[in-house]
Each structure stands twice: as structure tokens, then as C-alpha cells.
PDB file of all heavy atoms in Angstrom:
ATOM      1  N   MET A   1      22.445  39.670  38.972  1.00  0.00           N
ATOM      2  CA  MET A   1      23.573  39.272  38.167  1.00  0.00           C
ATOM      3  C   MET A   1      23.567  40.062  36.841  1.00  0.00           C
ATOM      4  O   MET A   1      22.534  40.231  36.208  1.00  0.00           O
ATOM      5  CB  MET A   1      23.488  37.802  37.876  1.00  0.00           C
ATOM      6  CG  MET A   1      24.513  37.286  36.931  1.00  0.00           C
ATOM      7  SD  MET A   1      24.268  35.640  36.366  1.00  0.00           S
ATOM      8  CE  MET A   1      25.418  34.774  37.376  1.00  0.00           C
ATOM      9  N   ARG A   2      24.711  40.515  36.452  1.00  0.00           N
ATOM     10  CA  ARG A   2      24.815  41.294  35.219  1.00  0.00           C
ATOM     11  C   ARG A   2      25.103  40.390  34.055  1.00  0.00           C
ATOM     12  O   ARG A   2      25.784  39.365  34.213  1.00  0.00           O
ATOM     13  CB  ARG A   2      25.974  42.279  35.288  1.00  0.00           C
ATOM     14  CG  ARG A   2      25.711  43.393  36.220  1.00  0.00           C
ATOM     15  CD  ARG A   2      26.832  44.378  36.112  1.00  0.00           C
ATOM     16  NE  ARG A   2      26.265  45.686  35.974  1.00  0.00           N
ATOM     17  CZ  ARG A   2      26.938  46.774  35.873  1.00  0.00           C
ATOM     18  NH1 ARG A   2      28.235  46.750  35.751  1.00  0.00           N
ATOM     19  NH2 ARG A   2      26.330  47.915  35.786  1.00  0.00           N
ATOM     20  N   ARG A   3      24.541  40.706  32.937  1.00  0.00           N
ATOM     21  CA  ARG A   3      24.767  39.906  31.702  1.00  0.00           C
ATOM     22  C   ARG A   3      25.562  40.741  30.695  1.00  0.00           C
ATOM     23  O   ARG A   3      25.430  41.954  30.642  1.00  0.00           O
ATOM     24  CB  ARG A   3      23.462  39.527  31.082  1.00  0.00           C
ATOM     25  CG  ARG A   3      22.658  38.540  31.887  1.00  0.00           C
ATOM     26  CD  ARG A   3      21.434  38.173  31.174  1.00  0.00           C
ATOM     27  NE  ARG A   3      20.721  37.190  31.963  1.00  0.00           N
ATOM     28  CZ  ARG A   3      20.478  35.926  31.517  1.00  0.00           C
ATOM     29  NH1 ARG A   3      20.882  35.591  30.319  1.00  0.00           N
ATOM     30  NH2 ARG A   3      19.880  35.078  32.247  1.00  0.00           N
ATOM     31  N   LEU A   4      26.382  40.052  29.957  1.00  0.00           N
ATOM     32  CA  LEU A   4      27.150  40.699  28.917  1.00  0.00           C
ATOM     33  C   LEU A   4      26.229  41.035  27.745  1.00  0.00           C
ATOM     34  O   LEU A   4      25.348  40.276  27.411  1.00  0.00           O
ATOM     35  CB  LEU A   4      28.281  39.786  28.393  1.00  0.00           C
ATOM     36  CG  LEU A   4      29.425  39.576  29.321  1.00  0.00           C
ATOM     37  CD1 LEU A   4      30.384  38.520  28.721  1.00  0.00           C
ATOM     38  CD2 LEU A   4      30.176  40.838  29.593  1.00  0.00           C
ATOM     39  N   ARG A   5      26.462  42.184  27.171  1.00  0.00           N
ATOM     40  CA  ARG A   5      25.706  42.588  25.982  1.00  0.00           C
ATOM     41  C   ARG A   5      26.659  42.581  24.816  1.00  0.00           C
ATOM     42  O   ARG A   5      27.659  43.292  24.841  1.00  0.00           O
ATOM     43  CB  ARG A   5      25.108  43.994  26.171  1.00  0.00           C
ATOM     44  CG  ARG A   5      24.093  43.979  27.252  1.00  0.00           C
ATOM     45  CD  ARG A   5      23.507  45.363  27.366  1.00  0.00           C
ATOM     46  NE  ARG A   5      22.705  45.467  28.585  1.00  0.00           N
ATOM     47  CZ  ARG A   5      21.630  46.219  28.692  1.00  0.00           C
ATOM     48  NH1 ARG A   5      21.240  46.937  27.656  1.00  0.00           N
ATOM     49  NH2 ARG A   5      20.944  46.230  29.800  1.00  0.00           N
ATOM     50  N   TRP A   6      26.347  41.823  23.794  1.00  0.00           N
ATOM     51  CA  TRP A   6      27.218  41.711  22.645  1.00  0.00           C
ATOM     52  C   TRP A   6      26.844  42.711  21.574  1.00  0.00           C
ATOM     53  O   TRP A   6      27.556  42.838  20.582  1.00  0.00           O
ATOM     54  CB  TRP A   6      27.127  40.301  22.081  1.00  0.00           C
ATOM     55  CG  TRP A   6      27.747  39.326  23.014  1.00  0.00           C
ATOM     56  CD1 TRP A   6      27.027  38.485  23.869  1.00  0.00           C
ATOM     57  CD2 TRP A   6      29.078  39.085  23.313  1.00  0.00           C
ATOM     58  NE1 TRP A   6      27.869  37.728  24.628  1.00  0.00           N
ATOM     59  CE2 TRP A   6      29.155  38.068  24.304  1.00  0.00           C
ATOM     60  CE3 TRP A   6      30.303  39.618  22.853  1.00  0.00           C
ATOM     61  CZ2 TRP A   6      30.399  37.641  24.841  1.00  0.00           C
ATOM     62  CZ3 TRP A   6      31.469  39.186  23.344  1.00  0.00           C
ATOM     63  CH2 TRP A   6      31.515  38.165  24.331  1.00  0.00           C
ATOM     64  N   ASN A   7      25.785  43.434  21.752  1.00  0.00           N
ATOM     65  CA  ASN A   7      25.350  44.430  20.759  1.00  0.00           C
ATOM     66  C   ASN A   7      26.130  45.709  21.027  1.00  0.00           C
ATOM     67  O   ASN A   7      26.229  46.183  22.130  1.00  0.00           O
ATOM     68  CB  ASN A   7      23.872  44.700  20.844  1.00  0.00           C
ATOM     69  CG  ASN A   7      23.046  43.436  20.623  1.00  0.00           C
ATOM     70  OD1 ASN A   7      23.604  42.412  20.323  1.00  0.00           O
ATOM     71  ND2 ASN A   7      21.736  43.549  20.759  1.00  0.00           N
ATOM     72  N   ALA A   8      26.618  46.311  19.968  1.00  0.00           N
ATOM     73  CA  ALA A   8      27.263  47.586  20.090  1.00  0.00           C
ATOM     74  C   ALA A   8      26.225  48.661  20.324  1.00  0.00           C
ATOM     75  O   ALA A   8      25.111  48.615  19.756  1.00  0.00           O
ATOM     76  CB  ALA A   8      28.072  47.920  18.824  1.00  0.00           C
ATOM     77  N   PRO A   9      26.517  49.658  21.112  1.00  0.00           N
ATOM     78  CA  PRO A   9      25.503  50.710  21.338  1.00  0.00           C
ATOM     79  C   PRO A   9      25.282  51.507  20.061  1.00  0.00           C
ATOM     80  O   PRO A   9      26.225  51.716  19.277  1.00  0.00           O
ATOM     81  CB  PRO A   9      26.175  51.586  22.397  1.00  0.00           C
ATOM     82  CG  PRO A   9      27.620  51.270  22.350  1.00  0.00           C
ATOM     83  CD  PRO A   9      27.701  49.852  21.870  1.00  0.00           C
ATOM     84  N   ALA A  10      24.064  51.872  19.847  1.00  0.00           N
ATOM     85  CA  ALA A  10      23.722  52.645  18.640  1.00  0.00           C
ATOM     86  C   ALA A  10      24.361  54.025  18.767  1.00  0.00           C
ATOM     87  O   ALA A  10      24.132  54.739  19.696  1.00  0.00           O
ATOM     88  CB  ALA A  10      22.220  52.732  18.489  1.00  0.00           C
ATOM     89  N   SER A  11      25.143  54.397  17.757  1.00  0.00           N
ATOM     90  CA  SER A  11      25.779  55.724  17.805  1.00  0.00           C
ATOM     91  C   SER A  11      25.167  56.569  16.645  1.00  0.00           C
ATOM     92  O   SER A  11      24.767  56.051  15.614  1.00  0.00           O
ATOM     93  CB  SER A  11      27.290  55.617  17.642  1.00  0.00           C
ATOM     94  OG  SER A  11      27.580  55.042  16.385  1.00  0.00           O
ATOM     95  N   ALA A  12      25.147  57.790  16.895  1.00  0.00           N
ATOM     96  CA  ALA A  12      24.615  58.737  15.917  1.00  0.00           C
ATOM     97  C   ALA A  12      25.546  58.822  14.696  1.00  0.00           C
ATOM     98  O   ALA A  12      26.789  58.896  14.841  1.00  0.00           O
ATOM     99  CB  ALA A  12      24.388  60.125  16.485  1.00  0.00           C
ATOM    100  N   SER A  13      25.041  58.760  13.524  1.00  0.00           N
ATOM    101  CA  SER A  13      25.850  58.850  12.322  1.00  0.00           C
ATOM    102  C   SER A  13      26.225  60.302  12.071  1.00  0.00           C
ATOM    103  O   SER A  13      25.463  61.198  12.381  1.00  0.00           O
ATOM    104  CB  SER A  13      25.002  58.329  11.141  1.00  0.00           C
ATOM    105  OG  SER A  13      25.784  58.406   9.954  1.00  0.00           O
ATOM    106  N   SER A  14      27.367  60.493  11.539  1.00  0.00           N
ATOM    107  CA  SER A  14      27.862  61.848  11.260  1.00  0.00           C
ATOM    108  C   SER A  14      26.993  62.484  10.177  1.00  0.00           C
ATOM    109  O   SER A  14      26.577  61.813   9.229  1.00  0.00           O
ATOM    110  CB  SER A  14      29.306  61.786  10.789  1.00  0.00           C
ATOM    111  OG  SER A  14      29.778  63.080  10.383  1.00  0.00           O
ATOM    112  N   LYS A  15      26.781  63.772  10.268  1.00  0.00           N
ATOM    113  CA  LYS A  15      25.999  64.488   9.234  1.00  0.00           C
ATOM    114  C   LYS A  15      26.876  64.754   8.020  1.00  0.00           C
ATOM    115  O   LYS A  15      26.360  65.108   6.982  1.00  0.00           O
ATOM    116  CB  LYS A  15      25.484  65.802   9.850  1.00  0.00           C
ATOM    117  CG  LYS A  15      24.475  65.595  10.907  1.00  0.00           C
ATOM    118  CD  LYS A  15      23.963  66.937  11.409  1.00  0.00           C
ATOM    119  CE  LYS A  15      22.926  66.714  12.495  1.00  0.00           C
ATOM    120  NZ  LYS A  15      22.463  68.015  13.084  1.00  0.00           N
ATOM    121  N   HIS A  16      28.178  64.687   8.164  1.00  0.00           N
ATOM    122  CA  HIS A  16      29.109  65.027   7.096  1.00  0.00           C
ATOM    123  C   HIS A  16      29.966  63.790   6.827  1.00  0.00           C
ATOM    124  O   HIS A  16      31.208  63.863   6.972  1.00  0.00           O
ATOM    125  CB  HIS A  16      29.973  66.205   7.459  1.00  0.00           C
ATOM    126  CG  HIS A  16      29.190  67.457   7.841  1.00  0.00           C
ATOM    127  ND1 HIS A  16      28.604  68.218   6.879  1.00  0.00           N
ATOM    128  CD2 HIS A  16      28.862  68.010   9.035  1.00  0.00           C
ATOM    129  CE1 HIS A  16      27.992  69.198   7.463  1.00  0.00           C
ATOM    130  NE2 HIS A  16      28.105  69.078   8.775  1.00  0.00           N
ATOM    131  N   ARG A  17      29.374  62.711   6.430  1.00  0.00           N
ATOM    132  CA  ARG A  17      30.137  61.456   6.233  1.00  0.00           C
ATOM    133  C   ARG A  17      31.156  61.586   5.108  1.00  0.00           C
ATOM    134  O   ARG A  17      32.247  61.082   5.266  1.00  0.00           O
ATOM    135  CB  ARG A  17      29.150  60.302   5.921  1.00  0.00           C
ATOM    136  CG  ARG A  17      28.276  59.988   7.087  1.00  0.00           C
ATOM    137  CD  ARG A  17      27.448  58.760   6.800  1.00  0.00           C
ATOM    138  NE  ARG A  17      26.788  58.776   5.487  1.00  0.00           N
ATOM    139  CZ  ARG A  17      26.106  57.764   4.992  1.00  0.00           C
ATOM    140  NH1 ARG A  17      26.024  56.662   5.630  1.00  0.00           N
ATOM    141  NH2 ARG A  17      25.512  57.905   3.849  1.00  0.00           N
ATOM    142  N   LEU A  18      30.808  62.248   4.026  1.00  0.00           N
ATOM    143  CA  LEU A  18      31.751  62.369   2.927  1.00  0.00           C
ATOM    144  C   LEU A  18      32.961  63.220   3.362  1.00  0.00           C
ATOM    145  O   LEU A  18      34.100  62.832   3.084  1.00  0.00           O
ATOM    146  CB  LEU A  18      31.078  62.977   1.694  1.00  0.00           C
ATOM    147  CG  LEU A  18      31.992  63.114   0.465  1.00  0.00           C
ATOM    148  CD1 LEU A  18      32.500  61.736   0.024  1.00  0.00           C
ATOM    149  CD2 LEU A  18      31.211  63.760  -0.678  1.00  0.00           C
ATOM    150  N   ARG A  19      32.708  64.316   3.982  1.00  0.00           N
ATOM    151  CA  ARG A  19      33.783  65.208   4.456  1.00  0.00           C
ATOM    152  C   ARG A  19      34.750  64.441   5.419  1.00  0.00           C
ATOM    153  O   ARG A  19      35.924  64.472   5.271  1.00  0.00           O
ATOM    154  CB  ARG A  19      33.245  66.415   5.132  1.00  0.00           C
ATOM    155  CG  ARG A  19      34.350  67.348   5.623  1.00  0.00           C
ATOM    156  CD  ARG A  19      33.878  68.351   6.652  1.00  0.00           C
ATOM    157  NE  ARG A  19      33.474  67.601   7.869  1.00  0.00           N
ATOM    158  CZ  ARG A  19      32.869  68.122   8.840  1.00  0.00           C
ATOM    159  NH1 ARG A  19      32.489  69.406   8.825  1.00  0.00           N
ATOM    160  NH2 ARG A  19      32.477  67.422   9.888  1.00  0.00           N
ATOM    161  N   ASP A  20      34.110  63.700   6.329  1.00  0.00           N
ATOM    162  CA  ASP A  20      34.919  62.987   7.297  1.00  0.00           C
ATOM    163  C   ASP A  20      35.773  61.911   6.621  1.00  0.00           C
ATOM    164  O   ASP A  20      36.929  61.655   6.960  1.00  0.00           O
ATOM    165  CB  ASP A  20      33.983  62.352   8.348  1.00  0.00           C
ATOM    166  CG  ASP A  20      33.276  63.360   9.217  1.00  0.00           C
ATOM    167  OD1 ASP A  20      33.704  64.530   9.203  1.00  0.00           O
ATOM    168  OD2 ASP A  20      32.284  63.020   9.854  1.00  0.00           O
ATOM    169  N   THR A  21      35.159  61.225   5.669  1.00  0.00           N
ATOM    170  CA  THR A  21      35.834  60.182   4.925  1.00  0.00           C
ATOM    171  C   THR A  21      37.009  60.742   4.126  1.00  0.00           C
ATOM    172  O   THR A  21      38.103  60.191   4.134  1.00  0.00           O
ATOM    173  CB  THR A  21      34.882  59.426   3.992  1.00  0.00           C
ATOM    174  OG1 THR A  21      33.837  58.893   4.786  1.00  0.00           O
ATOM    175  CG2 THR A  21      35.594  58.294   3.264  1.00  0.00           C
ATOM    176  N   LEU A  22      36.808  61.856   3.458  1.00  0.00           N
ATOM    177  CA  LEU A  22      37.856  62.497   2.655  1.00  0.00           C
ATOM    178  C   LEU A  22      38.963  62.989   3.574  1.00  0.00           C
ATOM    179  O   LEU A  22      40.138  62.900   3.194  1.00  0.00           O
ATOM    180  CB  LEU A  22      37.294  63.624   1.809  1.00  0.00           C
ATOM    181  CG  LEU A  22      36.305  63.225   0.699  1.00  0.00           C
ATOM    182  CD1 LEU A  22      35.830  64.436  -0.054  1.00  0.00           C
ATOM    183  CD2 LEU A  22      36.941  62.198  -0.218  1.00  0.00           C
ATOM    184  N   LEU A  23      38.647  63.459   4.789  1.00  0.00           N
ATOM    185  CA  LEU A  23      39.709  63.920   5.710  1.00  0.00           C
ATOM    186  C   LEU A  23      40.526  62.693   6.151  1.00  0.00           C
ATOM    187  O   LEU A  23      41.766  62.791   6.286  1.00  0.00           O
ATOM    188  CB  LEU A  23      39.103  64.631   6.895  1.00  0.00           C
ATOM    189  CG  LEU A  23      38.618  66.033   6.676  1.00  0.00           C
ATOM    190  CD1 LEU A  23      37.871  66.556   7.904  1.00  0.00           C
ATOM    191  CD2 LEU A  23      39.759  66.938   6.336  1.00  0.00           C
ATOM    192  N   LEU A  24      39.869  61.581   6.394  1.00  0.00           N
ATOM    193  CA  LEU A  24      40.581  60.393   6.780  1.00  0.00           C
ATOM    194  C   LEU A  24      41.486  59.926   5.705  1.00  0.00           C
ATOM    195  O   LEU A  24      42.651  59.559   5.941  1.00  0.00           O
ATOM    196  CB  LEU A  24      39.562  59.289   7.155  1.00  0.00           C
ATOM    197  CG  LEU A  24      40.148  57.926   7.608  1.00  0.00           C
ATOM    198  CD1 LEU A  24      40.812  58.109   8.947  1.00  0.00           C
ATOM    199  CD2 LEU A  24      39.070  56.903   7.613  1.00  0.00           C
ATOM    200  N   TYR A  25      41.018  59.849   4.448  1.00  0.00           N
ATOM    201  CA  TYR A  25      41.860  59.432   3.314  1.00  0.00           C
ATOM    202  C   TYR A  25      42.976  60.439   3.073  1.00  0.00           C
ATOM    203  O   TYR A  25      44.062  60.030   2.677  1.00  0.00           O
ATOM    204  CB  TYR A  25      41.011  59.206   2.080  1.00  0.00           C
ATOM    205  CG  TYR A  25      40.141  57.999   2.160  1.00  0.00           C
ATOM    206  CD1 TYR A  25      38.882  58.000   1.525  1.00  0.00           C
ATOM    207  CD2 TYR A  25      40.550  56.840   2.821  1.00  0.00           C
ATOM    208  CE1 TYR A  25      38.084  56.857   1.596  1.00  0.00           C
ATOM    209  CE2 TYR A  25      39.735  55.757   2.874  1.00  0.00           C
ATOM    210  CZ  TYR A  25      38.508  55.729   2.297  1.00  0.00           C
ATOM    211  OH  TYR A  25      37.704  54.640   2.318  1.00  0.00           O
ATOM    212  N   GLY A  26      42.723  61.694   3.268  1.00  0.00           N
ATOM    213  CA  GLY A  26      43.804  62.690   3.154  1.00  0.00           C
ATOM    214  C   GLY A  26      44.891  62.439   4.206  1.00  0.00           C
ATOM    215  O   GLY A  26      46.086  62.555   3.938  1.00  0.00           O
ATOM    216  N   GLY A  27      44.460  62.072   5.412  1.00  0.00           N
ATOM    217  CA  GLY A  27      45.443  61.757   6.480  1.00  0.00           C
ATOM    218  C   GLY A  27      46.283  60.523   6.115  1.00  0.00           C
ATOM    219  O   GLY A  27      47.497  60.488   6.303  1.00  0.00           O
ATOM    220  N   PHE A  28      45.592  59.486   5.544  1.00  0.00           N
ATOM    221  CA  PHE A  28      46.308  58.299   5.101  1.00  0.00           C
ATOM    222  C   PHE A  28      47.328  58.670   4.005  1.00  0.00           C
ATOM    223  O   PHE A  28      48.474  58.158   4.042  1.00  0.00           O
ATOM    224  CB  PHE A  28      45.362  57.243   4.553  1.00  0.00           C
ATOM    225  CG  PHE A  28      44.598  56.531   5.606  1.00  0.00           C
ATOM    226  CD1 PHE A  28      43.362  55.988   5.289  1.00  0.00           C
ATOM    227  CD2 PHE A  28      45.063  56.397   6.903  1.00  0.00           C
ATOM    228  CE1 PHE A  28      42.584  55.303   6.289  1.00  0.00           C
ATOM    229  CE2 PHE A  28      44.332  55.719   7.880  1.00  0.00           C
ATOM    230  CZ  PHE A  28      43.094  55.164   7.574  1.00  0.00           C
ATOM    231  N   SER A  29      46.947  59.540   3.102  1.00  0.00           N
ATOM    232  CA  SER A  29      47.858  59.928   2.029  1.00  0.00           C
ATOM    233  C   SER A  29      49.068  60.698   2.593  1.00  0.00           C
ATOM    234  O   SER A  29      50.179  60.554   2.123  1.00  0.00           O
ATOM    235  CB  SER A  29      47.115  60.790   0.980  1.00  0.00           C
ATOM    236  OG  SER A  29      46.123  60.036   0.360  1.00  0.00           O
ATOM    237  N   LEU A  30      48.813  61.496   3.601  1.00  0.00           N
ATOM    238  CA  LEU A  30      49.882  62.288   4.256  1.00  0.00           C
ATOM    239  C   LEU A  30      50.852  61.296   4.919  1.00  0.00           C
ATOM    240  O   LEU A  30      52.049  61.454   4.857  1.00  0.00           O
ATOM    241  CB  LEU A  30      49.317  63.220   5.224  1.00  0.00           C
ATOM    242  CG  LEU A  30      50.299  64.216   5.911  1.00  0.00           C
ATOM    243  CD1 LEU A  30      50.971  65.077   4.875  1.00  0.00           C
ATOM    244  CD2 LEU A  30      49.594  65.036   6.928  1.00  0.00           C
ATOM    245  N   VAL A  31      50.319  60.268   5.564  1.00  0.00           N
ATOM    246  CA  VAL A  31      51.189  59.246   6.201  1.00  0.00           C
ATOM    247  C   VAL A  31      52.027  58.517   5.142  1.00  0.00           C
ATOM    248  O   VAL A  31      53.227  58.292   5.318  1.00  0.00           O
ATOM    249  CB  VAL A  31      50.340  58.224   7.003  1.00  0.00           C
ATOM    250  CG1 VAL A  31      51.170  57.001   7.442  1.00  0.00           C
ATOM    251  CG2 VAL A  31      49.731  58.927   8.200  1.00  0.00           C
ATOM    252  N   ILE A  32      51.424  58.187   4.019  1.00  0.00           N
ATOM    253  CA  ILE A  32      52.168  57.567   2.931  1.00  0.00           C
ATOM    254  C   ILE A  32      53.284  58.478   2.435  1.00  0.00           C
ATOM    255  O   ILE A  32      54.422  58.025   2.223  1.00  0.00           O
ATOM    256  CB  ILE A  32      51.209  57.232   1.741  1.00  0.00           C
ATOM    257  CG1 ILE A  32      50.287  56.065   2.141  1.00  0.00           C
ATOM    258  CG2 ILE A  32      52.029  56.854   0.510  1.00  0.00           C
ATOM    259  CD1 ILE A  32      49.183  55.818   1.139  1.00  0.00           C
ATOM    260  N   LEU A  33      53.008  59.757   2.310  1.00  0.00           N
ATOM    261  CA  LEU A  33      54.013  60.728   1.852  1.00  0.00           C
ATOM    262  C   LEU A  33      55.152  60.850   2.885  1.00  0.00           C
ATOM    263  O   LEU A  33      56.318  60.796   2.474  1.00  0.00           O
ATOM    264  CB  LEU A  33      53.348  62.071   1.621  1.00  0.00           C
ATOM    265  CG  LEU A  33      54.212  63.196   1.078  1.00  0.00           C
ATOM    266  CD1 LEU A  33      54.739  62.826  -0.320  1.00  0.00           C
ATOM    267  CD2 LEU A  33      53.427  64.487   1.024  1.00  0.00           C
ATOM    268  N   ILE A  34      54.798  60.944   4.132  1.00  0.00           N
ATOM    269  CA  ILE A  34      55.840  61.063   5.160  1.00  0.00           C
ATOM    270  C   ILE A  34      56.726  59.824   5.204  1.00  0.00           C
ATOM    271  O   ILE A  34      57.954  59.909   5.300  1.00  0.00           O
ATOM    272  CB  ILE A  34      55.224  61.415   6.531  1.00  0.00           C
ATOM    273  CG1 ILE A  34      54.609  62.778   6.508  1.00  0.00           C
ATOM    274  CG2 ILE A  34      56.229  61.241   7.673  1.00  0.00           C
ATOM    275  CD1 ILE A  34      53.739  63.125   7.722  1.00  0.00           C
ATOM    276  N   LEU A  35      56.077  58.660   5.168  1.00  0.00           N
ATOM    277  CA  LEU A  35      56.842  57.385   5.241  1.00  0.00           C
ATOM    278  C   LEU A  35      57.751  57.227   3.966  1.00  0.00           C
ATOM    279  O   LEU A  35      58.856  56.811   4.112  1.00  0.00           O
ATOM    280  CB  LEU A  35      55.908  56.202   5.323  1.00  0.00           C
ATOM    281  CG  LEU A  35      55.288  55.957   6.696  1.00  0.00           C
ATOM    282  CD1 LEU A  35      54.287  54.813   6.624  1.00  0.00           C
ATOM    283  CD2 LEU A  35      56.369  55.657   7.744  1.00  0.00           C
ATOM    284  N   GLY A  36      57.248  57.609   2.848  1.00  0.00           N
ATOM    285  CA  GLY A  36      58.022  57.505   1.621  1.00  0.00           C
ATOM    286  C   GLY A  36      59.241  58.367   1.664  1.00  0.00           C
ATOM    287  O   GLY A  36      60.341  57.896   1.289  1.00  0.00           O
ATOM    288  N   VAL A  37      59.101  59.566   2.069  1.00  0.00           N
ATOM    289  CA  VAL A  37      60.213  60.489   2.183  1.00  0.00           C
ATOM    290  C   VAL A  37      61.178  60.062   3.293  1.00  0.00           C
ATOM    291  O   VAL A  37      62.415  60.099   3.083  1.00  0.00           O
ATOM    292  CB  VAL A  37      59.722  61.961   2.398  1.00  0.00           C
ATOM    293  CG1 VAL A  37      60.914  62.873   2.692  1.00  0.00           C
ATOM    294  CG2 VAL A  37      58.941  62.422   1.212  1.00  0.00           C
ATOM    295  N   ALA A  38      60.674  59.593   4.394  1.00  0.00           N
ATOM    296  CA  ALA A  38      61.530  59.140   5.501  1.00  0.00           C
ATOM    297  C   ALA A  38      62.319  57.903   5.137  1.00  0.00           C
ATOM    298  O   ALA A  38      63.434  57.697   5.641  1.00  0.00           O
ATOM    299  CB  ALA A  38      60.647  58.873   6.747  1.00  0.00           C
ATOM    300  N   LEU A  39      61.786  57.090   4.253  1.00  0.00           N
ATOM    301  CA  LEU A  39      62.475  55.885   3.830  1.00  0.00           C
ATOM    302  C   LEU A  39      63.445  56.142   2.640  1.00  0.00           C
ATOM    303  O   LEU A  39      64.031  55.187   2.121  1.00  0.00           O
ATOM    304  CB  LEU A  39      61.503  54.781   3.487  1.00  0.00           C
ATOM    305  CG  LEU A  39      60.691  54.241   4.662  1.00  0.00           C
ATOM    306  CD1 LEU A  39      59.617  53.249   4.181  1.00  0.00           C
ATOM    307  CD2 LEU A  39      61.610  53.591   5.666  1.00  0.00           C
ATOM    308  N   GLY A  40      63.527  57.381   2.198  1.00  0.00           N
ATOM    309  CA  GLY A  40      64.463  57.720   1.185  1.00  0.00           C
ATOM    310  C   GLY A  40      63.988  57.564  -0.218  1.00  0.00           C
ATOM    311  O   GLY A  40      64.777  57.520  -1.171  1.00  0.00           O
ATOM    312  N   ARG A  41      62.686  57.420  -0.410  1.00  0.00           N
ATOM    313  CA  ARG A  41      62.173  57.345  -1.786  1.00  0.00           C
ATOM    314  C   ARG A  41      62.104  58.722  -2.421  1.00  0.00           C
ATOM    315  O   ARG A  41      62.196  59.749  -1.729  1.00  0.00           O
ATOM    316  CB  ARG A  41      60.766  56.761  -1.759  1.00  0.00           C
ATOM    317  CG  ARG A  41      60.587  55.457  -1.056  1.00  0.00           C
ATOM    318  CD  ARG A  41      61.205  54.383  -1.822  1.00  0.00           C
ATOM    319  NE  ARG A  41      60.981  53.082  -1.185  1.00  0.00           N
ATOM    320  CZ  ARG A  41      61.763  52.070  -1.257  1.00  0.00           C
ATOM    321  NH1 ARG A  41      62.879  52.145  -1.946  1.00  0.00           N
ATOM    322  NH2 ARG A  41      61.506  50.959  -0.636  1.00  0.00           N
ATOM    323  N   GLY A  42      61.960  58.766  -3.698  1.00  0.00           N
ATOM    324  CA  GLY A  42      61.873  60.078  -4.390  1.00  0.00           C
ATOM    325  C   GLY A  42      60.590  60.791  -4.020  1.00  0.00           C
ATOM    326  O   GLY A  42      59.524  60.209  -3.899  1.00  0.00           O
ATOM    327  N   VAL A  43      60.749  62.095  -3.796  1.00  0.00           N
ATOM    328  CA  VAL A  43      59.585  62.913  -3.379  1.00  0.00           C
ATOM    329  C   VAL A  43      58.514  62.909  -4.467  1.00  0.00           C
ATOM    330  O   VAL A  43      57.334  62.769  -4.132  1.00  0.00           O
ATOM    331  CB  VAL A  43      60.001  64.337  -3.029  1.00  0.00           C
ATOM    332  CG1 VAL A  43      58.829  65.182  -2.665  1.00  0.00           C
ATOM    333  CG2 VAL A  43      61.021  64.358  -1.838  1.00  0.00           C
ATOM    334  N   GLY A  44      58.902  63.049  -5.725  1.00  0.00           N
ATOM    335  CA  GLY A  44      57.916  63.140  -6.806  1.00  0.00           C
ATOM    336  C   GLY A  44      57.119  61.813  -6.939  1.00  0.00           C
ATOM    337  O   GLY A  44      55.889  61.851  -7.057  1.00  0.00           O
ATOM    338  N   ARG A  45      57.860  60.726  -6.896  1.00  0.00           N
ATOM    339  CA  ARG A  45      57.169  59.411  -7.013  1.00  0.00           C
ATOM    340  C   ARG A  45      56.250  59.162  -5.813  1.00  0.00           C
ATOM    341  O   ARG A  45      55.134  58.669  -5.959  1.00  0.00           O
ATOM    342  CB  ARG A  45      58.222  58.290  -7.121  1.00  0.00           C
ATOM    343  CG  ARG A  45      57.593  56.946  -7.305  1.00  0.00           C
ATOM    344  CD  ARG A  45      58.654  55.913  -7.513  1.00  0.00           C
ATOM    345  NE  ARG A  45      58.013  54.608  -7.716  1.00  0.00           N
ATOM    346  CZ  ARG A  45      58.657  53.457  -7.726  1.00  0.00           C
ATOM    347  NH1 ARG A  45      59.962  53.455  -7.599  1.00  0.00           N
ATOM    348  NH2 ARG A  45      57.976  52.370  -7.856  1.00  0.00           N
ATOM    349  N   THR A  46      56.724  59.478  -4.594  1.00  0.00           N
ATOM    350  CA  THR A  46      55.932  59.283  -3.415  1.00  0.00           C
ATOM    351  C   THR A  46      54.719  60.193  -3.434  1.00  0.00           C
ATOM    352  O   THR A  46      53.606  59.737  -3.049  1.00  0.00           O
ATOM    353  CB  THR A  46      56.796  59.581  -2.179  1.00  0.00           C
ATOM    354  OG1 THR A  46      57.952  58.774  -2.212  1.00  0.00           O
ATOM    355  CG2 THR A  46      55.999  59.289  -0.909  1.00  0.00           C
TER     356      THR A  46
END
């Protein structure tokens, strides 16, 4: 009989955590910019 395992498998941590985090936040900022312009907000303010 198989049992469920509730523990997440151990994954290797990235060697470039800061770079990866900054790329993610840059992507979020780009999404904010695209949404702001698409919704008709001012480009400078967005």
C-alpha cells in the first residue's frame, strides 16, 4: 500500500538568488507598466 507524503521534495537552491529575484520583480514591474498603459493611465505616472 502506498502512503501519501506531505513533505515537499528537497530542491536545490539557486546559486543566483538575488539575480533571480530581481528578474522576477522586473517582470512584475513590466506587467504593471503594460496594464497601466492598456487601461489608459498616463505613461509617465505608470
